[in-house]
Amino acid sequence: MHPRITHNPVQIGTKPCIRGLRVTVSMVVEFVASGYSTGQICEAYPYLEAEDVRAALLYAA
């Protein structure tokens, strides 16, 4: 597992999240699938970093 991906059942159930934030891997994957770039995702969620987006995609793969 990637160190940027966390699981906290208290936070968002069993969904994997980015660095303990309330942003799930599936949210990031959905943004990418909808055509958003890494930069656009990081603009929408300024507390995310480009490496978080890459980690979410690697985890989902």
N, C-alpha and C. Protein backbone atom coordinates (compact mmCIF):
# COMPACT_ATOMS: atom_id res chain seq x y z
N MET A 1 0.84 -1.18 0.00
CA MET A 1 0.00 0.00 0.00
C MET A 1 0.89 1.25 0.00
N HIS A 2 0.38 2.29 -0.58
CA HIS A 2 1.10 3.55 -0.66
C HIS A 2 0.95 4.31 0.65
N PRO A 3 2.02 4.94 1.16
CA PRO A 3 1.93 5.64 2.45
C PRO A 3 0.97 6.84 2.42
N ARG A 4 0.61 7.35 1.28
CA ARG A 4 -0.32 8.48 1.21
C ARG A 4 -1.78 8.04 1.28
N ILE A 5 -2.02 6.74 1.19
CA ILE A 5 -3.38 6.21 1.24
C ILE A 5 -3.63 5.65 2.63
N THR A 6 -4.70 6.10 3.26
CA THR A 6 -5.01 5.69 4.63
C THR A 6 -6.42 5.11 4.70
N HIS A 7 -6.65 4.32 5.74
CA HIS A 7 -7.98 3.77 6.02
C HIS A 7 -8.32 4.14 7.46
N ASN A 8 -9.41 4.85 7.64
CA ASN A 8 -9.86 5.21 8.98
C ASN A 8 -11.37 4.99 9.02
N PRO A 9 -11.83 3.88 9.58
CA PRO A 9 -13.25 3.56 9.58
C PRO A 9 -14.13 4.64 10.21
N VAL A 10 -13.58 5.43 11.10
CA VAL A 10 -14.35 6.49 11.74
C VAL A 10 -14.58 7.65 10.78
N GLN A 11 -13.69 7.83 9.85
CA GLN A 11 -13.73 8.99 8.97
C GLN A 11 -14.72 8.82 7.82
N ILE A 12 -14.47 7.92 6.92
CA ILE A 12 -15.34 7.72 5.75
C ILE A 12 -15.61 6.23 5.61
N GLY A 13 -15.96 5.59 6.67
CA GLY A 13 -16.23 4.15 6.59
C GLY A 13 -14.99 3.38 6.19
N THR A 14 -15.15 2.50 5.25
CA THR A 14 -14.03 1.65 4.85
C THR A 14 -13.33 2.15 3.60
N LYS A 15 -13.71 3.32 3.10
CA LYS A 15 -13.11 3.84 1.87
C LYS A 15 -11.69 4.35 2.11
N PRO A 16 -10.76 4.01 1.21
CA PRO A 16 -9.41 4.53 1.34
C PRO A 16 -9.38 6.03 1.05
N CYS A 17 -8.63 6.75 1.87
CA CYS A 17 -8.55 8.22 1.77
C CYS A 17 -7.13 8.66 1.47
N ILE A 18 -7.00 9.92 1.13
CA ILE A 18 -5.70 10.52 0.88
C ILE A 18 -5.19 11.14 2.17
N ARG A 19 -4.08 10.67 2.66
CA ARG A 19 -3.38 11.21 3.83
C ARG A 19 -4.30 11.54 5.01
N GLY A 20 -5.31 10.73 5.24
CA GLY A 20 -6.20 10.96 6.38
C GLY A 20 -7.19 12.09 6.18
N LEU A 21 -7.21 12.66 4.99
CA LEU A 21 -8.17 13.73 4.69
C LEU A 21 -9.50 13.11 4.31
N ARG A 22 -10.51 13.93 4.20
CA ARG A 22 -11.83 13.43 3.82
C ARG A 22 -11.99 13.43 2.29
N VAL A 23 -10.93 13.11 1.61
CA VAL A 23 -10.93 12.96 0.15
C VAL A 23 -10.60 11.50 -0.13
N THR A 24 -11.54 10.82 -0.77
CA THR A 24 -11.33 9.40 -1.02
C THR A 24 -10.60 9.16 -2.34
N VAL A 25 -10.02 7.99 -2.44
CA VAL A 25 -9.36 7.58 -3.67
C VAL A 25 -10.38 7.60 -4.80
N SER A 26 -11.58 7.12 -4.54
CA SER A 26 -12.60 7.07 -5.59
C SER A 26 -12.98 8.47 -6.09
N MET A 27 -12.97 9.46 -5.22
CA MET A 27 -13.25 10.83 -5.66
C MET A 27 -12.20 11.30 -6.65
N VAL A 28 -10.95 11.04 -6.35
CA VAL A 28 -9.86 11.45 -7.23
C VAL A 28 -9.96 10.72 -8.57
N VAL A 29 -10.22 9.42 -8.52
CA VAL A 29 -10.34 8.64 -9.75
C VAL A 29 -11.51 9.16 -10.59
N GLU A 30 -12.61 9.50 -9.97
CA GLU A 30 -13.76 10.03 -10.70
C GLU A 30 -13.41 11.36 -11.38
N PHE A 31 -12.67 12.21 -10.70
CA PHE A 31 -12.24 13.47 -11.31
C PHE A 31 -11.39 13.19 -12.55
N VAL A 32 -10.44 12.30 -12.44
CA VAL A 32 -9.56 11.97 -13.57
C VAL A 32 -10.38 11.37 -14.71
N ALA A 33 -11.30 10.48 -14.39
CA ALA A 33 -12.14 9.86 -15.41
C ALA A 33 -13.03 10.89 -16.11
N SER A 34 -13.34 11.97 -15.42
CA SER A 34 -14.16 13.03 -16.00
C SER A 34 -13.34 14.02 -16.81
N GLY A 35 -12.04 13.81 -16.87
CA GLY A 35 -11.19 14.65 -17.70
C GLY A 35 -10.44 15.75 -16.97
N TYR A 36 -10.53 15.78 -15.65
CA TYR A 36 -9.79 16.80 -14.88
C TYR A 36 -8.31 16.45 -14.86
N SER A 37 -7.48 17.46 -14.95
CA SER A 37 -6.04 17.26 -14.85
C SER A 37 -5.64 17.25 -13.38
N THR A 38 -4.43 16.82 -13.12
CA THR A 38 -3.91 16.85 -11.75
C THR A 38 -3.95 18.27 -11.21
N GLY A 39 -3.56 19.24 -12.03
CA GLY A 39 -3.57 20.64 -11.60
C GLY A 39 -4.97 21.11 -11.24
N GLN A 40 -5.96 20.73 -12.02
CA GLN A 40 -7.33 21.14 -11.73
C GLN A 40 -7.84 20.50 -10.44
N ILE A 41 -7.47 19.26 -10.21
CA ILE A 41 -7.88 18.59 -8.97
C ILE A 41 -7.24 19.28 -7.77
N CYS A 42 -5.97 19.62 -7.90
CA CYS A 42 -5.26 20.29 -6.80
C CYS A 42 -5.80 21.71 -6.58
N GLU A 43 -6.30 22.34 -7.62
CA GLU A 43 -6.94 23.65 -7.45
C GLU A 43 -8.26 23.52 -6.70
N ALA A 44 -9.02 22.48 -7.03
CA ALA A 44 -10.30 22.26 -6.37
C ALA A 44 -10.12 21.86 -4.90
N TYR A 45 -9.04 21.15 -4.63
CA TYR A 45 -8.71 20.71 -3.27
C TYR A 45 -7.28 21.15 -2.97
N PRO A 46 -7.09 22.40 -2.55
CA PRO A 46 -5.73 22.94 -2.40
C PRO A 46 -4.86 22.22 -1.38
N TYR A 47 -5.44 21.42 -0.53
CA TYR A 47 -4.65 20.67 0.45
C TYR A 47 -4.11 19.37 -0.16
N LEU A 48 -4.49 19.05 -1.40
CA LEU A 48 -3.92 17.89 -2.09
C LEU A 48 -2.67 18.30 -2.86
N GLU A 49 -1.81 17.34 -3.05
CA GLU A 49 -0.58 17.54 -3.83
C GLU A 49 -0.63 16.61 -5.03
N ALA A 50 0.14 16.93 -6.04
CA ALA A 50 0.17 16.12 -7.25
C ALA A 50 0.50 14.66 -6.92
N GLU A 51 1.38 14.44 -5.97
CA GLU A 51 1.74 13.08 -5.58
C GLU A 51 0.53 12.34 -4.98
N ASP A 52 -0.39 13.06 -4.34
CA ASP A 52 -1.60 12.44 -3.81
C ASP A 52 -2.45 11.88 -4.95
N VAL A 53 -2.56 12.66 -6.02
CA VAL A 53 -3.35 12.21 -7.18
C VAL A 53 -2.70 10.97 -7.79
N ARG A 54 -1.39 11.00 -7.96
CA ARG A 54 -0.68 9.84 -8.51
C ARG A 54 -0.86 8.62 -7.61
N ALA A 55 -0.77 8.83 -6.30
CA ALA A 55 -0.93 7.71 -5.35
C ALA A 55 -2.33 7.12 -5.44
N ALA A 56 -3.33 7.96 -5.60
CA ALA A 56 -4.71 7.47 -5.70
C ALA A 56 -4.88 6.62 -6.96
N LEU A 57 -4.30 7.08 -8.06
CA LEU A 57 -4.41 6.33 -9.31
C LEU A 57 -3.65 5.00 -9.23
N LEU A 58 -2.49 5.01 -8.63
CA LEU A 58 -1.73 3.77 -8.46
C LEU A 58 -2.48 2.79 -7.56
N TYR A 59 -3.06 3.31 -6.51
CA TYR A 59 -3.82 2.47 -5.58
C TYR A 59 -5.02 1.86 -6.31
N ALA A 60 -5.72 2.67 -7.09
CA ALA A 60 -6.90 2.18 -7.79
C ALA A 60 -6.55 1.15 -8.85
N ALA A 61 -5.37 1.29 -9.42
CA ALA A 61 -4.95 0.35 -10.47
C ALA A 61 -4.67 -1.01 -9.86
